[in-house]
C-alpha atoms as a PDB file:
ATOM      1  CA  MET A   1      -7.126  14.713 -11.780  1.00  0.00           C
ATOM      2  CA  MET A   2      -6.123  18.166 -10.585  1.00  0.00           C
ATOM      3  CA  ALA A   3      -4.781  17.193  -7.179  1.00  0.00           C
ATOM      4  CA  PRO A   4      -2.684  19.812  -5.367  1.00  0.00           C
ATOM      5  CA  ARG A   5       0.948  19.189  -4.644  1.00  0.00           C
ATOM      6  CA  LEU A   6       1.042  16.999  -1.584  1.00  0.00           C
ATOM      7  CA  LYS A   7       2.552  18.011   1.717  1.00  0.00           C
ATOM      8  CA  PHE A   8       2.668  14.743   3.586  1.00  0.00           C
ATOM      9  CA  PRO A   9       5.010  14.531   6.574  1.00  0.00           C
ATOM     10  CA  GLU A  10       8.458  13.158   5.993  1.00  0.00           C
ATOM     11  CA  ALA A  11       8.752   9.403   6.283  1.00  0.00           C
ATOM     12  CA  LYS A  12       9.283   8.323   9.874  1.00  0.00           C
ATOM     13  CA  GLY A  13      11.366   5.290   8.953  1.00  0.00           C
ATOM     14  CA  ARG A  14      13.344   3.634   6.234  1.00  0.00           C
ATOM     15  CA  ASN A  15      12.135   1.219   3.586  1.00  0.00           C
ATOM     16  CA  ARG A  16      13.033  -1.660   5.881  1.00  0.00           C
ATOM     17  CA  LEU A  17      13.693  -1.970   9.574  1.00  0.00           C
ATOM     18  CA  PRO A  18      16.905  -3.642  10.795  1.00  0.00           C
ATOM     19  CA  LEU A  19      16.806  -7.361  11.463  1.00  0.00           C
ATOM     20  CA  ARG A  20      18.018  -6.741  15.008  1.00  0.00           C
ATOM     21  CA  TRP A  21      14.499  -5.723  16.068  1.00  0.00           C
ATOM     22  CA  ARG A  22      13.189  -9.259  15.645  1.00  0.00           C
ATOM     23  CA  ARG A  23      13.061 -11.669  18.563  1.00  0.00           C
ATOM     24  CA  GLY A  24      12.986 -15.435  18.733  1.00  0.00           C
ATOM     25  CA  ARG A  25      13.482 -17.972  15.965  1.00  0.00           C
ATOM     26  CA  MET A  26      12.158 -17.317  12.472  1.00  0.00           C
ATOM     27  CA  SER A  27      12.977 -18.592   9.029  1.00  0.00           C
ATOM     28  CA  GLU A  28      15.238 -16.444   6.899  1.00  0.00           C
ATOM     29  CA  ASN A  29      12.218 -15.669   4.682  1.00  0.00           C
ATOM     30  CA  GLY A  30      10.264 -14.605   7.757  1.00  0.00           C
ATOM     31  CA  GLU A  31      13.043 -12.315   8.928  1.00  0.00           C
ATOM     32  CA  ARG A  32      13.329 -10.627   5.543  1.00  0.00           C
ATOM     33  CA  PHE A  33       9.566 -10.310   5.255  1.00  0.00           C
ATOM     34  CA  LEU A  34       9.202  -8.719   8.675  1.00  0.00           C
ATOM     35  CA  ALA A  35      12.064  -6.271   8.175  1.00  0.00           C
ATOM     36  CA  THR A  36      10.780  -5.186   4.762  1.00  0.00           C
ATOM     37  CA  LEU A  37       7.137  -4.948   5.757  1.00  0.00           C
ATOM     38  CA  GLY A  38       8.021  -3.066   8.924  1.00  0.00           C
ATOM     39  CA  GLY A  39       9.591  -0.225   6.987  1.00  0.00           C
ATOM     40  CA  TYR A  40       6.633  -0.065   4.620  1.00  0.00           C
ATOM     41  CA  LEU A  41       4.152   0.070   7.486  1.00  0.00           C
ATOM     42  CA  VAL A  42       5.998   3.020   8.976  1.00  0.00           C
ATOM     43  CA  SER A  43       6.125   4.931   5.693  1.00  0.00           C
ATOM     44  CA  LEU A  44       2.625   4.093   4.396  1.00  0.00           C
ATOM     45  CA  PRO A  45       1.110   7.612   4.582  1.00  0.00           C
ATOM     46  CA  TYR A  46       4.249   9.152   3.093  1.00  0.00           C
ATOM     47  CA  ASP A  47       4.335   6.640   0.243  1.00  0.00           C
ATOM     48  CA  MET A  48       0.759   7.524  -0.701  1.00  0.00           C
ATOM     49  CA  LYS A  49       2.117  10.726  -2.213  1.00  0.00           C
ATOM     50  CA  VAL A  50       3.495   8.689  -5.124  1.00  0.00           C
ATOM     51  CA  LEU A  51       0.008   7.384  -5.840  1.00  0.00           C
ATOM     52  CA  PHE A  52      -1.353  10.925  -5.894  1.00  0.00           C
ATOM     53  CA  GLU A  53       1.405  12.009  -8.219  1.00  0.00           C
ATOM     54  CA  ALA A  54       0.418   9.160 -10.533  1.00  0.00           C
ATOM     55  CA  THR A  55      -3.244  10.200 -10.588  1.00  0.00           C
ATOM     56  CA  SER A  56      -2.325  13.608 -11.974  1.00  0.00           C
ATOM     57  CA  GLU A  57       0.527  12.504 -14.274  1.00  0.00           C
ATOM     58  CA  GLU A  58      -0.734  13.114 -17.810  1.00  0.00           C
ATOM     59  CA  ASN A  59       2.124  11.109 -19.336  1.00  0.00           C
ATOM     60  CA  LEU A  60       0.780   7.933 -17.745  1.00  0.00           C
ATOM     61  CA  ASP A  61      -1.903   5.956 -19.538  1.00  0.00           C
ATOM     62  CA  ARG A  62      -5.405   6.188 -18.127  1.00  0.00           C
ATOM     63  CA  ARG A  63      -5.325   2.624 -16.792  1.00  0.00           C
ATOM     64  CA  ALA A  64      -2.321   3.384 -14.598  1.00  0.00           C
ATOM     65  CA  ARG A  65      -3.996   6.482 -13.201  1.00  0.00           C
ATOM     66  CA  GLU A  66      -7.117   4.463 -12.432  1.00  0.00           C
ATOM     67  CA  ILE A  67      -5.031   1.885 -10.560  1.00  0.00           C
ATOM     68  CA  ALA A  68      -3.335   4.636  -8.556  1.00  0.00           C
ATOM     69  CA  THR A  69      -6.685   6.163  -7.609  1.00  0.00           C
ATOM     70  CA  GLY A  70      -8.150   2.779  -6.727  1.00  0.00           C
ATOM     71  CA  THR A  71      -5.173   2.006  -4.506  1.00  0.00           C
ATOM     72  CA  ILE A  72      -5.686   5.278  -2.632  1.00  0.00           C
ATOM     73  CA  ILE A  73      -9.353   4.430  -2.177  1.00  0.00           C
ATOM     74  CA  HIS A  74      -8.511   0.953  -0.892  1.00  0.00           C
ATOM     75  CA  ILE A  75      -6.149   2.395   1.702  1.00  0.00           C
ATOM     76  CA  LEU A  76      -8.645   5.021   2.856  1.00  0.00           C
ATOM     77  CA  THR A  77     -11.536   2.576   3.102  1.00  0.00           C
ATOM     78  CA  PRO A  78     -11.999   1.581   6.776  1.00  0.00           C
ATOM     79  CA  LYS A  79     -11.088  -1.997   7.644  1.00  0.00           C
ATOM     80  CA  ASP A  80     -12.084  -4.191  10.571  1.00  0.00           C
ATOM     81  CA  ALA A  81     -10.451  -3.019  13.775  1.00  0.00           C
ATOM     82  CA  ALA A  82      -7.240  -4.798  14.722  1.00  0.00           C
ATOM     83  CA  PRO A  83      -6.618  -6.157  18.240  1.00  0.00           C
ATOM     84  CA  PRO A  84      -5.370  -3.382  20.538  1.00  0.00           C
ATOM     85  CA  ASP A  85      -2.036  -5.147  20.999  1.00  0.00           C
ATOM     86  CA  GLN A  86      -1.578  -5.654  17.226  1.00  0.00           C
ATOM     87  CA  PRO A  87      -2.561  -2.353  15.558  1.00  0.00           C
ATOM     88  CA  HIS A  88      -0.248  -3.074  12.610  1.00  0.00           C
ATOM     89  CA  LEU A  89      -2.581  -5.804  11.356  1.00  0.00           C
ATOM     90  CA  ALA A  90      -5.074  -3.160  10.229  1.00  0.00           C
ATOM     91  CA  TYR A  91      -2.559  -1.853   7.685  1.00  0.00           C
ATOM     92  CA  VAL A  92      -0.662  -4.929   6.465  1.00  0.00           C
ATOM     93  CA  GLU A  93      -2.891  -5.456   3.437  1.00  0.00           C
ATOM     94  CA  ASP A  94      -2.670  -1.763   2.524  1.00  0.00           C
ATOM     95  CA  ALA A  95       1.126  -1.649   2.776  1.00  0.00           C
ATOM     96  CA  ILE A  96       1.553  -4.619   0.449  1.00  0.00           C
ATOM     97  CA  LEU A  97      -1.184  -3.554  -1.948  1.00  0.00           C
ATOM     98  CA  LEU A  98       0.394  -0.109  -2.253  1.00  0.00           C
ATOM     99  CA  ARG A  99       3.571  -1.774  -3.565  1.00  0.00           C
ATOM    100  CA  LEU A 100       1.580  -3.936  -5.949  1.00  0.00           C
ATOM    101  CA  GLY A 101      -0.198  -0.783  -7.115  1.00  0.00           C
ATOM    102  CA  LEU A 102       3.128   0.920  -7.781  1.00  0.00           C
ATOM    103  CA  ARG A 103       4.234  -2.016  -9.893  1.00  0.00           C
ATOM    104  CA  ALA A 104       0.954  -1.990 -11.820  1.00  0.00           C
ATOM    105  CA  ILE A 105       1.306   1.735 -12.491  1.00  0.00           C
ATOM    106  CA  THR A 106       4.546   1.120 -14.373  1.00  0.00           C
ATOM    107  CA  THR A 107       3.170  -2.005 -16.068  1.00  0.00           C
ATOM    108  CA  HIS A 108       0.150  -0.120 -17.436  1.00  0.00           C
ATOM    109  CA  GLY A 109       1.627   3.358 -17.593  1.00  0.00           C
ATOM    110  CA  GLY A 110       2.687   3.326 -21.226  1.00  0.00           C
ATOM    111  CA  GLU A 111       5.545   5.424 -22.548  1.00  0.00           C
ATOM    112  CA  GLY A 112       5.643   7.657 -19.489  1.00  0.00           C
ATOM    113  CA  ALA A 113       6.009   4.805 -16.991  1.00  0.00           C
ATOM    114  CA  ALA A 114       9.809   4.623 -16.856  1.00  0.00           C
ATOM    115  CA  GLU A 115      10.205   8.354 -16.404  1.00  0.00           C
ATOM    116  CA  PHE A 116       7.580   8.338 -13.651  1.00  0.00           C
ATOM    117  CA  ALA A 117       9.320   5.531 -11.752  1.00  0.00           C
ATOM    118  CA  GLY A 118      12.621   7.357 -12.096  1.00  0.00           C
ATOM    119  CA  ARG A 119      11.214  10.298 -10.152  1.00  0.00           C
ATOM    120  CA  PHE A 120      10.684   8.101  -7.088  1.00  0.00           C
ATOM    121  CA  PRO A 121      13.770   5.920  -6.571  1.00  0.00           C
ATOM    122  CA  GLU A 122      13.012   5.419  -2.884  1.00  0.00           C
ATOM    123  CA  GLN A 123       9.789   3.613  -3.776  1.00  0.00           C
ATOM    124  CA  TYR A 124      10.861   1.916  -7.014  1.00  0.00           C
ATOM    125  CA  GLU A 125      14.513   0.888  -6.855  1.00  0.00           C
ATOM    126  CA  GLN A 126      13.946  -2.127  -4.599  1.00  0.00           C
ATOM    127  CA  LEU A 127      10.331  -2.762  -5.559  1.00  0.00           C
ATOM    128  CA  ASP A 128      10.800  -6.003  -7.498  1.00  0.00           C
ATOM    129  CA  SER A 129      13.114  -7.567  -4.933  1.00  0.00           C
ATOM    130  CA  ASP A 130      10.844  -6.552  -2.058  1.00  0.00           C
ATOM    131  CA  LEU A 131       7.778  -7.989  -3.767  1.00  0.00           C
ATOM    132  CA  LYS A 132       9.699 -11.243  -4.205  1.00  0.00           C
ATOM    133  CA  ILE A 133      10.354 -11.271  -0.460  1.00  0.00           C
ATOM    134  CA  PHE A 134       6.629 -10.905   0.126  1.00  0.00           C
ATOM    135  CA  ALA A 135       5.805 -13.604  -2.426  1.00  0.00           C
ATOM    136  CA  ASP A 136       8.325 -16.062  -0.993  1.00  0.00           C
ATOM    137  CA  TYR A 137       6.950 -15.763   2.530  1.00  0.00           C
ATOM    138  CA  LEU A 138       3.228 -15.281   1.916  1.00  0.00           C
ATOM    139  CA  GLY A 139       2.689 -17.742  -0.943  1.00  0.00           C
ATOM    140  CA  ASP A 140      -1.033 -18.013  -1.726  1.00  0.00           C
ATOM    141  CA  CYS A 141      -1.787 -14.885   0.297  1.00  0.00           C
ATOM    142  CA  PHE A 142       0.480 -12.859  -1.945  1.00  0.00           C
ATOM    143  CA  ARG A 143      -1.214 -14.226  -5.074  1.00  0.00           C
ATOM    144  CA  TRP A 144      -4.567 -13.297  -3.516  1.00  0.00           C
ATOM    145  CA  LEU A 145      -3.359  -9.731  -3.019  1.00  0.00           C
ATOM    146  CA  GLU A 146      -2.011  -9.632  -6.570  1.00  0.00           C
ATOM    147  CA  GLY A 147      -5.483 -10.567  -7.785  1.00  0.00           C
ATOM    148  CA  LYS A 148      -6.945  -7.523  -6.078  1.00  0.00           C
ATOM    149  CA  VAL A 149      -5.005  -5.142  -8.314  1.00  0.00           C
ATOM    150  CA  ALA A 150      -7.234  -5.820 -11.336  1.00  0.00           C
ATOM    151  CA  HIS A 151     -10.266  -4.711  -9.311  1.00  0.00           C
ATOM    152  CA  LEU A 152      -8.788  -1.435  -8.032  1.00  0.00           C
ATOM    153  CA  PRO A 153     -10.187   0.708 -10.891  1.00  0.00           C
ATOM    154  CA  ARG A 154     -13.677  -0.377  -9.810  1.00  0.00           C
ATOM    155  CA  CYS A 155     -13.339   0.828  -6.225  1.00  0.00           C
ATOM    156  CA  ILE A 156     -15.966   3.103  -4.667  1.00  0.00           C
ATOM    157  CA  TYR A 157     -15.324   5.551  -1.850  1.00  0.00           C
ATOM    158  CA  LYS A 158     -18.142   7.484  -0.209  1.00  0.00           C
ATOM    159  CA  THR A 159     -20.484   6.982  -3.203  1.00  0.00           C
ATOM    160  CA  LYS A 160     -17.946   8.165  -5.805  1.00  0.00           C
ATOM    161  CA  ASN A 161     -16.095   5.909  -8.228  1.00  0.00           C
ATOM    162  CA  VAL A 162     -12.554   6.092  -9.554  1.00  0.00           C
ATOM    163  CA  ALA A 163     -13.547   7.985 -12.703  1.00  0.00           C
ATOM    164  CA  LYS A 164     -15.221  10.687 -10.610  1.00  0.00           C
ATOM    165  CA  TYR A 165     -12.121  11.179  -8.482  1.00  0.00           C
ATOM    166  CA  LEU A 166      -9.944  11.327 -11.577  1.00  0.00           C
ATOM    167  CA  ASP A 167     -12.041  13.681 -13.659  1.00  0.00           C
ATOM    168  CA  ASP A 168     -13.806  15.958 -11.194  1.00  0.00           C
ATOM    169  CA  GLU A 169     -11.668  18.598  -9.496  1.00  0.00           C
ATOM    170  CA  GLU A 170     -13.931  18.931  -6.464  1.00  0.00           C
ATOM    171  CA  ALA A 171     -13.944  15.176  -5.932  1.00  0.00           C
ATOM    172  CA  SER A 172     -10.167  14.975  -6.267  1.00  0.00           C
ATOM    173  CA  GLU A 173      -9.781  17.735  -3.675  1.00  0.00           C
ATOM    174  CA  PHE A 174     -12.030  15.754  -1.344  1.00  0.00           C
ATOM    175  CA  LEU A 175      -9.932  12.613  -1.774  1.00  0.00           C
ATOM    176  CA  TYR A 176      -6.796  14.619  -1.069  1.00  0.00           C
ATOM    177  CA  GLU A 177      -8.295  15.998   2.153  1.00  0.00           C
ATOM    178  CA  GLU A 178      -9.311  12.505   3.196  1.00  0.00           C
ATOM    179  CA  SER A 179      -5.748  11.321   2.694  1.00  0.00           C
ATOM    180  CA  LEU A 180      -4.404  14.141   4.850  1.00  0.00           C
ATOM    181  CA  ALA A 181      -6.798  13.113   7.622  1.00  0.00           C
ATOM    182  CA  PHE A 182      -5.604   9.515   7.257  1.00  0.00           C
ATOM    183  CA  SER A 183      -1.984  10.645   7.497  1.00  0.00           C
ATOM    184  CA  THR A 184      -2.681  12.725  10.605  1.00  0.00           C
ATOM    185  CA  GLU A 185      -4.494   9.897  12.382  1.00  0.00           C
ATOM    186  CA  TYR A 186      -2.106   7.122  11.339  1.00  0.00           C
ATOM    187  CA  GLU A 187      -0.999   5.352  14.497  1.00  0.00           C
ATOM    188  CA  LEU A 188       2.078   3.382  13.452  1.00  0.00           C
ATOM    189  CA  ASP A 189       5.618   4.650  13.865  1.00  0.00           C
ATOM    190  CA  GLU A 190       8.995   2.932  14.052  1.00  0.00           C
ATOM    191  CA  GLU A 191       8.685   2.337  17.789  1.00  0.00           C
ATOM    192  CA  THR A 192       5.233   0.753  17.463  1.00  0.00           C
ATOM    193  CA  VAL A 193       6.181  -1.428  14.509  1.00  0.00           C
ATOM    194  CA  GLY A 194       9.459  -2.349  16.188  1.00  0.00           C
ATOM    195  CA  ARG A 195       7.485  -4.205  18.859  1.00  0.00           C
ATOM    196  CA  VAL A 196       6.344  -6.724  16.256  1.00  0.00           C
ATOM    197  CA  LYS A 197       8.650  -9.698  16.689  1.00  0.00           C
ATOM    198  CA  ARG A 198       6.994 -12.495  14.713  1.00  0.00           C
ATOM    199  CA  ALA A 199       5.991 -12.771  11.082  1.00  0.00           C
ATOM    200  CA  GLU A 200       3.685 -15.778  11.363  1.00  0.00           C
ATOM    201  CA  PRO A 201       0.728 -13.904  12.974  1.00  0.00           C
ATOM    202  CA  ILE A 202       0.794 -11.515  10.011  1.00  0.00           C
ATOM    203  CA  ARG A 203       0.600 -14.393   7.543  1.00  0.00           C
ATOM    204  CA  GLN A 204      -2.221 -15.954   9.576  1.00  0.00           C
ATOM    205  CA  HIS A 205      -4.101 -12.653   9.535  1.00  0.00           C
ATOM    206  CA  LEU A 206      -3.869 -12.486   5.747  1.00  0.00           C
ATOM    207  CA  GLN A 207      -4.938 -16.119   5.461  1.00  0.00           C
ATOM    208  CA  ARG A 208      -8.082 -15.280   7.444  1.00  0.00           C
ATOM    209  CA  ARG A 209      -8.759 -12.276   5.230  1.00  0.00           C
ATOM    210  CA  MET A 210      -8.297 -14.441   2.139  1.00  0.00           C
ATOM    211  CA  ALA A 211     -10.742 -17.035   3.508  1.00  0.00           C
ATOM    212  CA  GLU A 212     -13.294 -14.308   4.263  1.00  0.00           C
ATOM    213  CA  ASP A 213     -12.976 -13.041   0.717  1.00  0.00           C
ATOM    214  CA  ALA A 214     -13.551 -16.524  -0.665  1.00  0.00           C
ATOM    215  CA  LYS A 215     -16.742 -16.878   1.385  1.00  0.00           C
ATOM    216  CA  ARG A 216     -18.097 -13.581   0.042  1.00  0.00           C
ATOM    217  CA  ILE A 217     -17.424 -14.671  -3.523  1.00  0.00           C
ATOM    218  CA  THR A 218     -19.138 -18.035  -3.088  1.00  0.00           C
END
């Protein structure tokens, strides 16, 4: 995939937001989950650059590049609108799936995986511990999201499949432009995410999404 070098804006926040922005009583797992997810919601468009770098990294095995492309497609695919007072809910699944995609890139990347991860310490150094935080709080919802990773190489976006975006220069340019539009229109920043004070509504949102998925399958 001959994607151009990306020029996403600098990340607006850190990998996690401070625990002081929570309010009320939460479990320790809930506090850690909310602080970690908050930072990832803020930096979602910026972190997509790592996925694009993976799509064009020839030292990664094809499977890893397919997962990276599928993760981009999943993020760009429109979701159901979130309530006006909870805009973050529209991006929770994407923020977690991006991290699962990063892990899968190194799992399936072959000999070039370690070197690739080493180029992006901000995204990879705490990845395993952060995913454990998500798993501990979300339980079945996290396992549901993990199951989505295997399907990412089969994603379709605007009539084109992953292979087309990987192998066709014009298609890859189009996907890049779509990601820039997503980044420009992205509505979450540290102030917006900092208003989120409870983790439980996020877990409930993912539980509803998981139930909807189960109905479609059956």
